[in-house]
């Protein structure tokens, strides 16, 4: 994934975390995560077209690999599904997702 795309996705995620209702709606953390997945898919598809950047993989694949290697979770159905499966309850899913995103962000800062 290009460093520019990583920064753009992480910036978008900071906005989503601070105002989830605006970006992903719903009262259910599980539904919010599923909506967030589609938001990220769309963002990753549109990013190269808006910037002229050459697509080289995206956040969801990178984040999934991070979850697989650091937590040992299966990401065969994607990183969002991995977080949903790993959490103990609906409310825990949202908290666990953001904990993992922050860990990923800290680890990936050195990659840019």
PDB file of N, CA and C in Angstrom:
ATOM      1  N   UNK A   1       0.854  -1.175   0.000  1.00  0.00           N
ATOM      2  CA  UNK A   1       0.000   0.000   0.000  1.00  0.00           C
ATOM      3  C   UNK A   1       0.894   1.229   0.000  1.00  0.00           C
ATOM      4  N   UNK A   2       0.513   2.204  -0.780  1.00  0.00           N
ATOM      5  CA  UNK A   2       1.313   3.421  -0.846  1.00  0.00           C
ATOM      6  C   UNK A   2       1.193   4.180   0.479  1.00  0.00           C
ATOM      7  N   UNK A   3       2.273   4.843   0.884  1.00  0.00           N
ATOM      8  CA  UNK A   3       2.214   5.647   2.118  1.00  0.00           C
ATOM      9  C   UNK A   3       1.121   6.718   2.065  1.00  0.00           C
ATOM     10  N   UNK A   4       0.891   7.293   0.878  1.00  0.00           N
ATOM     11  CA  UNK A   4      -0.151   8.316   0.755  1.00  0.00           C
ATOM     12  C   UNK A   4      -1.534   7.735   1.013  1.00  0.00           C
ATOM     13  N   UNK A   5      -1.797   6.546   0.473  1.00  0.00           N
ATOM     14  CA  UNK A   5      -3.089   5.897   0.712  1.00  0.00           C
ATOM     15  C   UNK A   5      -3.233   5.551   2.191  1.00  0.00           C
ATOM     16  N   UNK A   6      -2.180   5.025   2.804  1.00  0.00           N
ATOM     17  CA  UNK A   6      -2.237   4.678   4.228  1.00  0.00           C
ATOM     18  C   UNK A   6      -2.593   5.920   5.053  1.00  0.00           C
ATOM     19  N   UNK A   7      -1.919   7.028   4.780  1.00  0.00           N
ATOM     20  CA  UNK A   7      -2.199   8.267   5.524  1.00  0.00           C
ATOM     21  C   UNK A   7      -3.643   8.723   5.287  1.00  0.00           C
ATOM     22  N   UNK A   8      -4.106   8.642   4.048  1.00  0.00           N
ATOM     23  CA  UNK A   8      -5.468   9.075   3.731  1.00  0.00           C
ATOM     24  C   UNK A   8      -6.503   8.208   4.442  1.00  0.00           C
ATOM     25  N   UNK A   9      -6.290   6.894   4.455  1.00  0.00           N
ATOM     26  CA  UNK A   9      -7.237   5.992   5.130  1.00  0.00           C
ATOM     27  C   UNK A   9      -7.222   6.245   6.630  1.00  0.00           C
ATOM     28  N   UNK A  10      -6.040   6.395   7.208  1.00  0.00           N
ATOM     29  CA  UNK A  10      -5.963   6.631   8.657  1.00  0.00           C
ATOM     30  C   UNK A  10      -6.600   7.966   9.028  1.00  0.00           C
ATOM     31  N   UNK A  11      -6.462   8.951   8.175  1.00  0.00           N
ATOM     32  CA  UNK A  11      -7.125  10.233   8.413  1.00  0.00           C
ATOM     33  C   UNK A  11      -8.645  10.060   8.357  1.00  0.00           C
ATOM     34  N   UNK A  12      -9.125   9.320   7.365  1.00  0.00           N
ATOM     35  CA  UNK A  12     -10.556   9.031   7.267  1.00  0.00           C
ATOM     36  C   UNK A  12     -11.030   8.287   8.518  1.00  0.00           C
ATOM     37  N   UNK A  13     -10.263   7.308   8.966  1.00  0.00           N
ATOM     38  CA  UNK A  13     -10.658   6.532  10.147  1.00  0.00           C
ATOM     39  C   UNK A  13     -10.724   7.408  11.400  1.00  0.00           C
ATOM     40  N   UNK A  14      -9.818   8.370  11.533  1.00  0.00           N
ATOM     41  CA  UNK A  14      -9.887   9.291  12.673  1.00  0.00           C
ATOM     42  C   UNK A  14     -11.205  10.081  12.647  1.00  0.00           C
ATOM     43  N   UNK A  15     -11.613  10.494  11.443  1.00  0.00           N
ATOM     44  CA  UNK A  15     -12.891  11.201  11.299  1.00  0.00           C
ATOM     45  C   UNK A  15     -14.064  10.295  11.668  1.00  0.00           C
ATOM     46  N   UNK A  16     -14.025   9.052  11.212  1.00  0.00           N
ATOM     47  CA  UNK A  16     -15.102   8.100  11.510  1.00  0.00           C
ATOM     48  C   UNK A  16     -15.170   7.849  13.015  1.00  0.00           C
ATOM     49  N   UNK A  17     -14.024   7.674  13.639  1.00  0.00           N
ATOM     50  CA  UNK A  17     -14.003   7.395  15.083  1.00  0.00           C
ATOM     51  C   UNK A  17     -14.609   8.554  15.876  1.00  0.00           C
ATOM     52  N   UNK A  18     -14.330   9.774  15.443  1.00  0.00           N
ATOM     53  CA  UNK A  18     -14.838  10.922  16.198  1.00  0.00           C
ATOM     54  C   UNK A  18     -16.316  11.204  15.902  1.00  0.00           C
ATOM     55  N   UNK A  19     -16.805  10.808  14.720  1.00  0.00           N
ATOM     56  CA  UNK A  19     -18.204  11.056  14.349  1.00  0.00           C
ATOM     57  C   UNK A  19     -18.792   9.841  13.624  1.00  0.00           C
ATOM     58  N   UNK A  20     -18.917   8.713  14.311  1.00  0.00           N
ATOM     59  CA  UNK A  20     -19.382   7.505  13.616  1.00  0.00           C
ATOM     60  C   UNK A  20     -20.776   7.633  13.017  1.00  0.00           C
ATOM     61  N   UNK A  21     -21.672   8.330  13.678  1.00  0.00           N
ATOM     62  CA  UNK A  21     -23.030   8.466  13.147  1.00  0.00           C
ATOM     63  C   UNK A  21     -23.063   9.150  11.800  1.00  0.00           C
ATOM     64  N   UNK A  22     -22.156  10.068  11.587  1.00  0.00           N
ATOM     65  CA  UNK A  22     -22.108  10.790  10.320  1.00  0.00           C
ATOM     66  C   UNK A  22     -21.621   9.908   9.175  1.00  0.00           C
ATOM     67  N   UNK A  23     -20.722   8.998   9.482  1.00  0.00           N
ATOM     68  CA  UNK A  23     -20.102   8.192   8.434  1.00  0.00           C
ATOM     69  C   UNK A  23     -20.710   6.801   8.284  1.00  0.00           C
ATOM     70  N   UNK A  24     -21.065   6.150   9.380  1.00  0.00           N
ATOM     71  CA  UNK A  24     -21.507   4.757   9.290  1.00  0.00           C
ATOM     72  C   UNK A  24     -22.879   4.508   9.900  1.00  0.00           C
ATOM     73  N   UNK A  25     -23.495   5.527  10.518  1.00  0.00           N
ATOM     74  CA  UNK A  25     -24.848   5.401  11.038  1.00  0.00           C
ATOM     75  C   UNK A  25     -25.033   4.234  11.990  1.00  0.00           C
ATOM     76  N   UNK A  26     -26.243   3.847  12.220  1.00  0.00           N
ATOM     77  CA  UNK A  26     -26.649   2.677  12.998  1.00  0.00           C
ATOM     78  C   UNK A  26     -26.343   2.816  14.487  1.00  0.00           C
ATOM     79  N   UNK A  27     -27.111   2.096  15.285  1.00  0.00           N
ATOM     80  CA  UNK A  27     -26.866   2.036  16.728  1.00  0.00           C
ATOM     81  C   UNK A  27     -26.130   0.765  17.103  1.00  0.00           C
ATOM     82  N   UNK A  28     -26.044  -0.159  16.177  1.00  0.00           N
ATOM     83  CA  UNK A  28     -25.400  -1.443  16.438  1.00  0.00           C
ATOM     84  C   UNK A  28     -23.926  -1.374  16.032  1.00  0.00           C
ATOM     85  N   UNK A  29     -23.013  -1.636  16.972  1.00  0.00           N
ATOM     86  CA  UNK A  29     -21.591  -1.645  16.624  1.00  0.00           C
ATOM     87  C   UNK A  29     -21.254  -2.613  15.487  1.00  0.00           C
ATOM     88  N   UNK A  30     -21.910  -3.750  15.455  1.00  0.00           N
ATOM     89  CA  UNK A  30     -21.648  -4.709  14.384  1.00  0.00           C
ATOM     90  C   UNK A  30     -22.058  -4.123  13.032  1.00  0.00           C
ATOM     91  N   UNK A  31     -23.228  -3.505  12.981  1.00  0.00           N
ATOM     92  CA  UNK A  31     -23.669  -2.872  11.734  1.00  0.00           C
ATOM     93  C   UNK A  31     -22.760  -1.708  11.363  1.00  0.00           C
ATOM     94  N   UNK A  32     -22.299  -0.951  12.349  1.00  0.00           N
ATOM     95  CA  UNK A  32     -21.374   0.149  12.074  1.00  0.00           C
ATOM     96  C   UNK A  32     -20.089  -0.374  11.434  1.00  0.00           C
ATOM     97  N   UNK A  33     -19.574  -1.479  11.950  1.00  0.00           N
ATOM     98  CA  UNK A  33     -18.346  -2.052  11.386  1.00  0.00           C
ATOM     99  C   UNK A  33     -18.581  -2.542   9.958  1.00  0.00           C
ATOM    100  N   UNK A  34     -19.707  -3.155   9.720  1.00  0.00           N
ATOM    101  CA  UNK A  34     -20.005  -3.621   8.357  1.00  0.00           C
ATOM    102  C   UNK A  34     -20.152  -2.439   7.400  1.00  0.00           C
ATOM    103  N   UNK A  35     -20.810  -1.379   7.853  1.00  0.00           N
ATOM    104  CA  UNK A  35     -20.924  -0.170   7.029  1.00  0.00           C
ATOM    105  C   UNK A  35     -19.554   0.459   6.799  1.00  0.00           C
ATOM    106  N   UNK A  36     -18.720   0.433   7.816  1.00  0.00           N
ATOM    107  CA  UNK A  36     -17.373   0.980   7.692  1.00  0.00           C
ATOM    108  C   UNK A  36     -16.568   0.199   6.657  1.00  0.00           C
ATOM    109  N   UNK A  37     -16.757  -1.099   6.640  1.00  0.00           N
ATOM    110  CA  UNK A  37     -16.054  -1.915   5.645  1.00  0.00           C
ATOM    111  C   UNK A  37     -16.389  -1.441   4.237  1.00  0.00           C
ATOM    112  N   UNK A  38     -17.668  -1.206   3.962  1.00  0.00           N
ATOM    113  CA  UNK A  38     -18.065  -0.756   2.631  1.00  0.00           C
ATOM    114  C   UNK A  38     -17.571   0.661   2.346  1.00  0.00           C
ATOM    115  N   UNK A  39     -17.537   1.506   3.355  1.00  0.00           N
ATOM    116  CA  UNK A  39     -16.979   2.843   3.189  1.00  0.00           C
ATOM    117  C   UNK A  39     -15.512   2.751   2.778  1.00  0.00           C
ATOM    118  N   UNK A  40     -14.769   1.870   3.441  1.00  0.00           N
ATOM    119  CA  UNK A  40     -13.345   1.705   3.127  1.00  0.00           C
ATOM    120  C   UNK A  40     -13.134   1.112   1.739  1.00  0.00           C
ATOM    121  N   UNK A  41     -13.963   0.163   1.356  1.00  0.00           N
ATOM    122  CA  UNK A  41     -13.862  -0.417   0.010  1.00  0.00           C
ATOM    123  C   UNK A  41     -14.058   0.683  -1.032  1.00  0.00           C
ATOM    124  N   UNK A  42     -15.086   1.482  -0.860  1.00  0.00           N
ATOM    125  CA  UNK A  42     -15.346   2.569  -1.796  1.00  0.00           C
ATOM    126  C   UNK A  42     -14.221   3.595  -1.809  1.00  0.00           C
ATOM    127  N   UNK A  43     -13.702   3.919  -0.646  1.00  0.00           N
ATOM    128  CA  UNK A  43     -12.609   4.889  -0.559  1.00  0.00           C
ATOM    129  C   UNK A  43     -11.381   4.365  -1.296  1.00  0.00           C
ATOM    130  N   UNK A  44     -11.058   3.094  -1.066  1.00  0.00           N
ATOM    131  CA  UNK A  44      -9.888   2.502  -1.726  1.00  0.00           C
ATOM    132  C   UNK A  44     -10.063   2.425  -3.239  1.00  0.00           C
ATOM    133  N   UNK A  45     -11.281   2.204  -3.693  1.00  0.00           N
ATOM    134  CA  UNK A  45     -11.527   2.162  -5.138  1.00  0.00           C
ATOM    135  C   UNK A  45     -11.428   3.553  -5.758  1.00  0.00           C
ATOM    136  N   UNK A  46     -11.915   4.558  -5.058  1.00  0.00           N
ATOM    137  CA  UNK A  46     -11.920   5.903  -5.593  1.00  0.00           C
ATOM    138  C   UNK A  46     -10.612   6.654  -5.437  1.00  0.00           C
ATOM    139  N   UNK A  47      -9.811   6.279  -4.470  1.00  0.00           N
ATOM    140  CA  UNK A  47      -8.577   7.021  -4.183  1.00  0.00           C
ATOM    141  C   UNK A  47      -7.638   7.113  -5.382  1.00  0.00           C
ATOM    142  N   UNK A  48      -7.313   6.014  -6.043  1.00  0.00           N
ATOM    143  CA  UNK A  48      -6.397   6.127  -7.190  1.00  0.00           C
ATOM    144  C   UNK A  48      -6.942   7.009  -8.301  1.00  0.00           C
ATOM    145  N   UNK A  49      -8.239   6.985  -8.502  1.00  0.00           N
ATOM    146  CA  UNK A  49      -8.830   7.797  -9.560  1.00  0.00           C
ATOM    147  C   UNK A  49      -8.768   9.282  -9.221  1.00  0.00           C
ATOM    148  N   UNK A  50      -8.875   9.613  -7.948  1.00  0.00           N
ATOM    149  CA  UNK A  50      -8.874  11.029  -7.569  1.00  0.00           C
ATOM    150  C   UNK A  50      -7.460  11.596  -7.443  1.00  0.00           C
ATOM    151  N   UNK A  51      -6.467  10.729  -7.270  1.00  0.00           N
ATOM    152  CA  UNK A  51      -5.101  11.203  -7.055  1.00  0.00           C
ATOM    153  C   UNK A  51      -4.160  10.865  -8.202  1.00  0.00           C
ATOM    154  N   UNK A  52      -4.575   9.944  -9.060  1.00  0.00           N
ATOM    155  CA  UNK A  52      -3.681   9.484 -10.122  1.00  0.00           C
ATOM    156  C   UNK A  52      -2.667   8.463  -9.619  1.00  0.00           C
ATOM    157  N   UNK A  53      -2.812   8.055  -8.358  1.00  0.00           N
ATOM    158  CA  UNK A  53      -1.914   7.067  -7.757  1.00  0.00           C
ATOM    159  C   UNK A  53      -2.177   5.697  -8.388  1.00  0.00           C
ATOM    160  N   UNK A  54      -1.146   4.895  -8.518  1.00  0.00           N
ATOM    161  CA  UNK A  54      -1.294   3.537  -9.023  1.00  0.00           C
ATOM    162  C   UNK A  54      -1.696   2.627  -7.874  1.00  0.00           C
ATOM    163  N   UNK A  55      -2.816   1.897  -7.989  1.00  0.00           N
ATOM    164  CA  UNK A  55      -3.224   0.995  -6.904  1.00  0.00           C
ATOM    165  C   UNK A  55      -2.171  -0.083  -6.663  1.00  0.00           C
ATOM    166  N   UNK A  56      -1.809  -0.272  -5.396  1.00  0.00           N
ATOM    167  CA  UNK A  56      -0.832  -1.299  -5.020  1.00  0.00           C
ATOM    168  C   UNK A  56      -1.277  -2.012  -3.755  1.00  0.00           C
ATOM    169  N   UNK A  57      -2.486  -2.379  -3.690  1.00  0.00           N
ATOM    170  CA  UNK A  57      -2.988  -2.980  -2.467  1.00  0.00           C
ATOM    171  C   UNK A  57      -3.613  -1.899  -1.608  1.00  0.00           C
ATOM    172  N   UNK A  58      -4.417  -2.309  -0.665  1.00  0.00           N
ATOM    173  CA  UNK A  58      -5.129  -1.326   0.118  1.00  0.00           C
ATOM    174  C   UNK A  58      -5.074  -1.578   1.604  1.00  0.00           C
ATOM    175  N   UNK A  59      -5.762  -0.728   2.318  1.00  0.00           N
ATOM    176  CA  UNK A  59      -5.784  -0.782   3.772  1.00  0.00           C
ATOM    177  C   UNK A  59      -6.361  -2.090   4.279  1.00  0.00           C
ATOM    178  N   UNK A  60      -7.486  -2.522   3.728  1.00  0.00           N
ATOM    179  CA  UNK A  60      -8.130  -3.727   4.256  1.00  0.00           C
ATOM    180  C   UNK A  60      -7.212  -4.940   4.170  1.00  0.00           C
ATOM    181  N   UNK A  61      -6.475  -5.079   3.080  1.00  0.00           N
ATOM    182  CA  UNK A  61      -5.529  -6.184   2.966  1.00  0.00           C
ATOM    183  C   UNK A  61      -4.371  -6.036   3.941  1.00  0.00           C
ATOM    184  N   UNK A  62      -3.834  -4.842   4.049  1.00  0.00           N
ATOM    185  CA  UNK A  62      -2.731  -4.567   4.970  1.00  0.00           C
ATOM    186  C   UNK A  62      -3.151  -4.776   6.422  1.00  0.00           C
ATOM    187  N   UNK A  63      -4.312  -4.228   6.763  1.00  0.00           N
ATOM    188  CA  UNK A  63      -4.821  -4.348   8.122  1.00  0.00           C
ATOM    189  C   UNK A  63      -5.137  -5.808   8.446  1.00  0.00           C
ATOM    190  N   UNK A  64      -5.702  -6.519   7.476  1.00  0.00           N
ATOM    191  CA  UNK A  64      -5.971  -7.946   7.673  1.00  0.00           C
ATOM    192  C   UNK A  64      -4.700  -8.730   7.936  1.00  0.00           C
ATOM    193  N   UNK A  65      -3.658  -8.442   7.174  1.00  0.00           N
ATOM    194  CA  UNK A  65      -2.371  -9.119   7.394  1.00  0.00           C
ATOM    195  C   UNK A  65      -1.818  -8.787   8.778  1.00  0.00           C
ATOM    196  N   UNK A  66      -1.973  -7.545   9.189  1.00  0.00           N
ATOM    197  CA  UNK A  66      -1.544  -7.146  10.533  1.00  0.00           C
ATOM    198  C   UNK A  66      -2.283  -7.966  11.595  1.00  0.00           C
ATOM    199  N   UNK A  67      -3.606  -8.086  11.468  1.00  0.00           N
ATOM    200  CA  UNK A  67      -4.394  -8.848  12.443  1.00  0.00           C
ATOM    201  C   UNK A  67      -4.009 -10.319  12.441  1.00  0.00           C
ATOM    202  N   UNK A  68      -3.755 -10.864  11.262  1.00  0.00           N
ATOM    203  CA  UNK A  68      -3.376 -12.279  11.161  1.00  0.00           C
ATOM    204  C   UNK A  68      -2.037 -12.528  11.849  1.00  0.00           C
ATOM    205  N   UNK A  69      -1.070 -11.661  11.593  1.00  0.00           N
ATOM    206  CA  UNK A  69       0.270 -11.905  12.142  1.00  0.00           C
ATOM    207  C   UNK A  69       0.380 -11.545  13.619  1.00  0.00           C
ATOM    208  N   UNK A  70      -0.323 -10.517  14.072  1.00  0.00           N
ATOM    209  CA  UNK A  70      -0.180 -10.105  15.480  1.00  0.00           C
ATOM    210  C   UNK A  70      -1.136 -10.818  16.421  1.00  0.00           C
ATOM    211  N   UNK A  71      -2.319 -11.162  15.937  1.00  0.00           N
ATOM    212  CA  UNK A  71      -3.322 -11.780  16.805  1.00  0.00           C
ATOM    213  C   UNK A  71      -3.618 -13.238  16.448  1.00  0.00           C
ATOM    214  N   UNK A  72      -3.159 -13.676  15.274  1.00  0.00           N
ATOM    215  CA  UNK A  72      -3.410 -15.049  14.850  1.00  0.00           C
ATOM    216  C   UNK A  72      -4.836 -15.290  14.396  1.00  0.00           C
ATOM    217  N   UNK A  73      -5.556 -14.232  14.050  1.00  0.00           N
ATOM    218  CA  UNK A  73      -6.952 -14.362  13.633  1.00  0.00           C
ATOM    219  C   UNK A  73      -7.032 -14.721  12.156  1.00  0.00           C
ATOM    220  N   UNK A  74      -8.033 -15.498  11.817  1.00  0.00           N
ATOM    221  CA  UNK A  74      -8.308 -15.771  10.416  1.00  0.00           C
ATOM    222  C   UNK A  74      -8.923 -14.525   9.803  1.00  0.00           C
ATOM    223  N   UNK A  75      -8.364 -14.115   8.680  1.00  0.00           N
ATOM    224  CA  UNK A  75      -8.907 -12.946   7.976  1.00  0.00           C
ATOM    225  C   UNK A  75      -9.433 -13.344   6.599  1.00  0.00           C
ATOM    226  N   UNK A  76      -9.776 -14.622   6.475  1.00  0.00           N
ATOM    227  CA  UNK A  76     -10.273 -15.132   5.194  1.00  0.00           C
ATOM    228  C   UNK A  76     -11.526 -14.384   4.741  1.00  0.00           C
ATOM    229  N   UNK A  77     -12.332 -13.906   5.699  1.00  0.00           N
ATOM    230  CA  UNK A  77     -13.536 -13.141   5.353  1.00  0.00           C
ATOM    231  C   UNK A  77     -13.316 -11.647   5.526  1.00  0.00           C
ATOM    232  N   UNK A  78     -12.072 -11.235   5.698  1.00  0.00           N
ATOM    233  CA  UNK A  78     -11.740  -9.825   5.830  1.00  0.00           C
ATOM    234  C   UNK A  78     -11.448  -9.432   7.266  1.00  0.00           C
ATOM    235  N   UNK A  79     -10.773  -8.307   7.440  1.00  0.00           N
ATOM    236  CA  UNK A  79     -10.388  -7.883   8.786  1.00  0.00           C
ATOM    237  C   UNK A  79     -11.575  -7.480   9.660  1.00  0.00           C
ATOM    238  N   UNK A  80     -12.616  -6.922   9.074  1.00  0.00           N
ATOM    239  CA  UNK A  80     -13.782  -6.539   9.874  1.00  0.00           C
ATOM    240  C   UNK A  80     -14.447  -7.784  10.448  1.00  0.00           C
ATOM    241  N   UNK A  81     -14.606  -8.814   9.628  1.00  0.00           N
ATOM    242  CA  UNK A  81     -15.192 -10.074  10.106  1.00  0.00           C
ATOM    243  C   UNK A  81     -14.301 -10.710  11.173  1.00  0.00           C
ATOM    244  N   UNK A  82     -12.983 -10.560  11.039  1.00  0.00           N
ATOM    245  CA  UNK A  82     -12.069 -11.102  12.050  1.00  0.00           C
ATOM    246  C   UNK A  82     -12.284 -10.426  13.396  1.00  0.00           C
ATOM    247  N   UNK A  83     -12.441  -9.104  13.389  1.00  0.00           N
ATOM    248  CA  UNK A  83     -12.690  -8.373  14.636  1.00  0.00           C
ATOM    249  C   UNK A  83     -14.040  -8.762  15.219  1.00  0.00           C
ATOM    250  N   UNK A  84     -15.049  -8.855  14.379  1.00  0.00           N
ATOM    251  CA  UNK A  84     -16.382  -9.245  14.852  1.00  0.00           C
ATOM    252  C   UNK A  84     -16.328 -10.612  15.511  1.00  0.00           C
ATOM    253  N   UNK A  85     -15.599 -11.548  14.910  1.00  0.00           N
ATOM    254  CA  UNK A  85     -15.495 -12.903  15.474  1.00  0.00           C
ATOM    255  C   UNK A  85     -14.690 -12.939  16.765  1.00  0.00           C
ATOM    256  N   UNK A  86     -13.674 -12.087  16.862  1.00  0.00           N
ATOM    257  CA  UNK A  86     -12.780 -12.118  18.028  1.00  0.00           C
ATOM    258  C   UNK A  86     -13.381 -11.450  19.259  1.00  0.00           C
ATOM    259  N   UNK A  87     -14.285 -10.505  19.060  1.00  0.00           N
ATOM    260  CA  UNK A  87     -14.855  -9.769  20.192  1.00  0.00           C
ATOM    261  C   UNK A  87     -15.880 -10.619  20.932  1.00  0.00           C
ATOM    262  N   UNK A  88     -16.048 -10.309  22.206  1.00  0.00           N
ATOM    263  CA  UNK A  88     -16.945 -11.110  23.039  1.00  0.00           C
ATOM    264  C   UNK A  88     -18.409 -10.681  22.947  1.00  0.00           C
ATOM    265  N   UNK A  89     -18.675  -9.491  22.498  1.00  0.00           N
ATOM    266  CA  UNK A  89     -20.057  -9.019  22.393  1.00  0.00           C
ATOM    267  C   UNK A  89     -20.148  -7.856  21.429  1.00  0.00           C
ATOM    268  N   UNK A  90     -21.369  -7.438  21.162  1.00  0.00           N
ATOM    269  CA  UNK A  90     -21.601  -6.402  20.164  1.00  0.00           C
ATOM    270  C   UNK A  90     -20.859  -5.109  20.498  1.00  0.00           C
ATOM    271  N   UNK A  91     -20.973  -4.611  21.719  1.00  0.00           N
ATOM    272  CA  UNK A  91     -20.310  -3.353  22.086  1.00  0.00           C
ATOM    273  C   UNK A  91     -18.792  -3.498  22.078  1.00  0.00           C
ATOM    274  N   UNK A  92     -18.304  -4.674  22.432  1.00  0.00           N
ATOM    275  CA  UNK A  92     -16.859  -4.910  22.447  1.00  0.00           C
ATOM    276  C   UNK A  92     -16.258  -4.858  21.042  1.00  0.00           C
ATOM    277  N   UNK A  93     -17.039  -5.141  20.038  1.00  0.00           N
ATOM    278  CA  UNK A  93     -16.529  -5.172  18.660  1.00  0.00           C
ATOM    279  C   UNK A  93     -16.022  -3.799  18.227  1.00  0.00           C
ATOM    280  N   UNK A  94     -16.788  -2.771  18.508  1.00  0.00           N
ATOM    281  CA  UNK A  94     -16.405  -1.408  18.127  1.00  0.00           C
ATOM    282  C   UNK A  94     -15.125  -0.998  18.866  1.00  0.00           C
ATOM    283  N   UNK A  95     -15.069  -1.286  20.151  1.00  0.00           N
ATOM    284  CA  UNK A  95     -13.892  -0.946  20.968  1.00  0.00           C
ATOM    285  C   UNK A  95     -12.671  -1.711  20.483  1.00  0.00           C
ATOM    286  N   UNK A  96     -12.831  -2.997  20.231  1.00  0.00           N
ATOM    287  CA  UNK A  96     -11.715  -3.819  19.773  1.00  0.00           C
ATOM    288  C   UNK A  96     -11.210  -3.360  18.409  1.00  0.00           C
ATOM    289  N   UNK A  97     -12.117  -3.012  17.512  1.00  0.00           N
ATOM    290  CA  UNK A  97     -11.698  -2.525  16.202  1.00  0.00           C
ATOM    291  C   UNK A  97     -10.779  -1.323  16.345  1.00  0.00           C
ATOM    292  N   UNK A  98     -11.195  -0.329  17.134  1.00  0.00           N
ATOM    293  CA  UNK A  98     -10.391   0.887  17.262  1.00  0.00           C
ATOM    294  C   UNK A  98      -9.078   0.625  17.986  1.00  0.00           C
ATOM    295  N   UNK A  99      -9.083  -0.274  18.942  1.00  0.00           N
ATOM    296  CA  UNK A  99      -7.832  -0.648  19.613  1.00  0.00           C
ATOM    297  C   UNK A  99      -6.860  -1.214  18.583  1.00  0.00           C
ATOM    298  N   UNK A 100      -7.343  -2.087  17.722  1.00  0.00           N
ATOM    299  CA  UNK A 100      -6.494  -2.694  16.695  1.00  0.00           C
ATOM    300  C   UNK A 100      -6.038  -1.668  15.662  1.00  0.00           C
ATOM    301  N   UNK A 101      -6.906  -0.743  15.289  1.00  0.00           N
ATOM    302  CA  UNK A 101      -6.526   0.303  14.333  1.00  0.00           C
ATOM    303  C   UNK A 101      -5.408   1.166  14.920  1.00  0.00           C
ATOM    304  N   UNK A 102      -5.531   1.520  16.190  1.00  0.00           N
ATOM    305  CA  UNK A 102      -4.498   2.355  16.816  1.00  0.00           C
ATOM    306  C   UNK A 102      -3.169   1.602  16.904  1.00  0.00           C
ATOM    307  N   UNK A 103      -3.225   0.326  17.215  1.00  0.00           N
ATOM    308  CA  UNK A 103      -2.001  -0.493  17.237  1.00  0.00           C
ATOM    309  C   UNK A 103      -1.377  -0.557  15.846  1.00  0.00           C
ATOM    310  N   UNK A 104      -2.218  -0.789  14.844  1.00  0.00           N
ATOM    311  CA  UNK A 104      -1.748  -0.850  13.463  1.00  0.00           C
ATOM    312  C   UNK A 104      -1.108   0.475  13.054  1.00  0.00           C
ATOM    313  N   UNK A 105      -1.746   1.573  13.415  1.00  0.00           N
ATOM    314  CA  UNK A 105      -1.235   2.885  13.054  1.00  0.00           C
ATOM    315  C   UNK A 105       0.138   3.123  13.688  1.00  0.00           C
ATOM    316  N   UNK A 106       0.281   2.779  14.951  1.00  0.00           N
ATOM    317  CA  UNK A 106       1.572   2.944  15.626  1.00  0.00           C
ATOM    318  C   UNK A 106       2.661   2.121  14.943  1.00  0.00           C
ATOM    319  N   UNK A 107       2.314   0.890  14.599  1.00  0.00           N
ATOM    320  CA  UNK A 107       3.285   0.005  13.966  1.00  0.00           C
ATOM    321  C   UNK A 107       3.639   0.476  12.554  1.00  0.00           C
ATOM    322  N   UNK A 108       2.651   1.020  11.837  1.00  0.00           N
ATOM    323  CA  UNK A 108       2.889   1.375  10.448  1.00  0.00           C
ATOM    324  C   UNK A 108       3.568   2.737  10.292  1.00  0.00           C
ATOM    325  N   UNK A 109       3.667   3.525  11.342  1.00  0.00           N
ATOM    326  CA  UNK A 109       4.319   4.833  11.235  1.00  0.00           C
ATOM    327  C   UNK A 109       5.745   4.714  10.743  1.00  0.00           C
ATOM    328  N   UNK A 110       6.421   3.673  11.141  1.00  0.00           N
ATOM    329  CA  UNK A 110       7.795   3.468  10.707  1.00  0.00           C
ATOM    330  C   UNK A 110       7.917   2.986   9.260  1.00  0.00           C
ATOM    331  N   UNK A 111       6.812   2.537   8.673  1.00  0.00           N
ATOM    332  CA  UNK A 111       6.845   2.017   7.301  1.00  0.00           C
ATOM    333  C   UNK A 111       6.805   3.119   6.249  1.00  0.00           C
ATOM    334  N   UNK A 112       6.410   4.319   6.646  1.00  0.00           N
ATOM    335  CA  UNK A 112       6.273   5.403   5.655  1.00  0.00           C
ATOM    336  C   UNK A 112       7.568   6.007   5.333  1.00  0.00           C
TER     337      UNK A 112
END
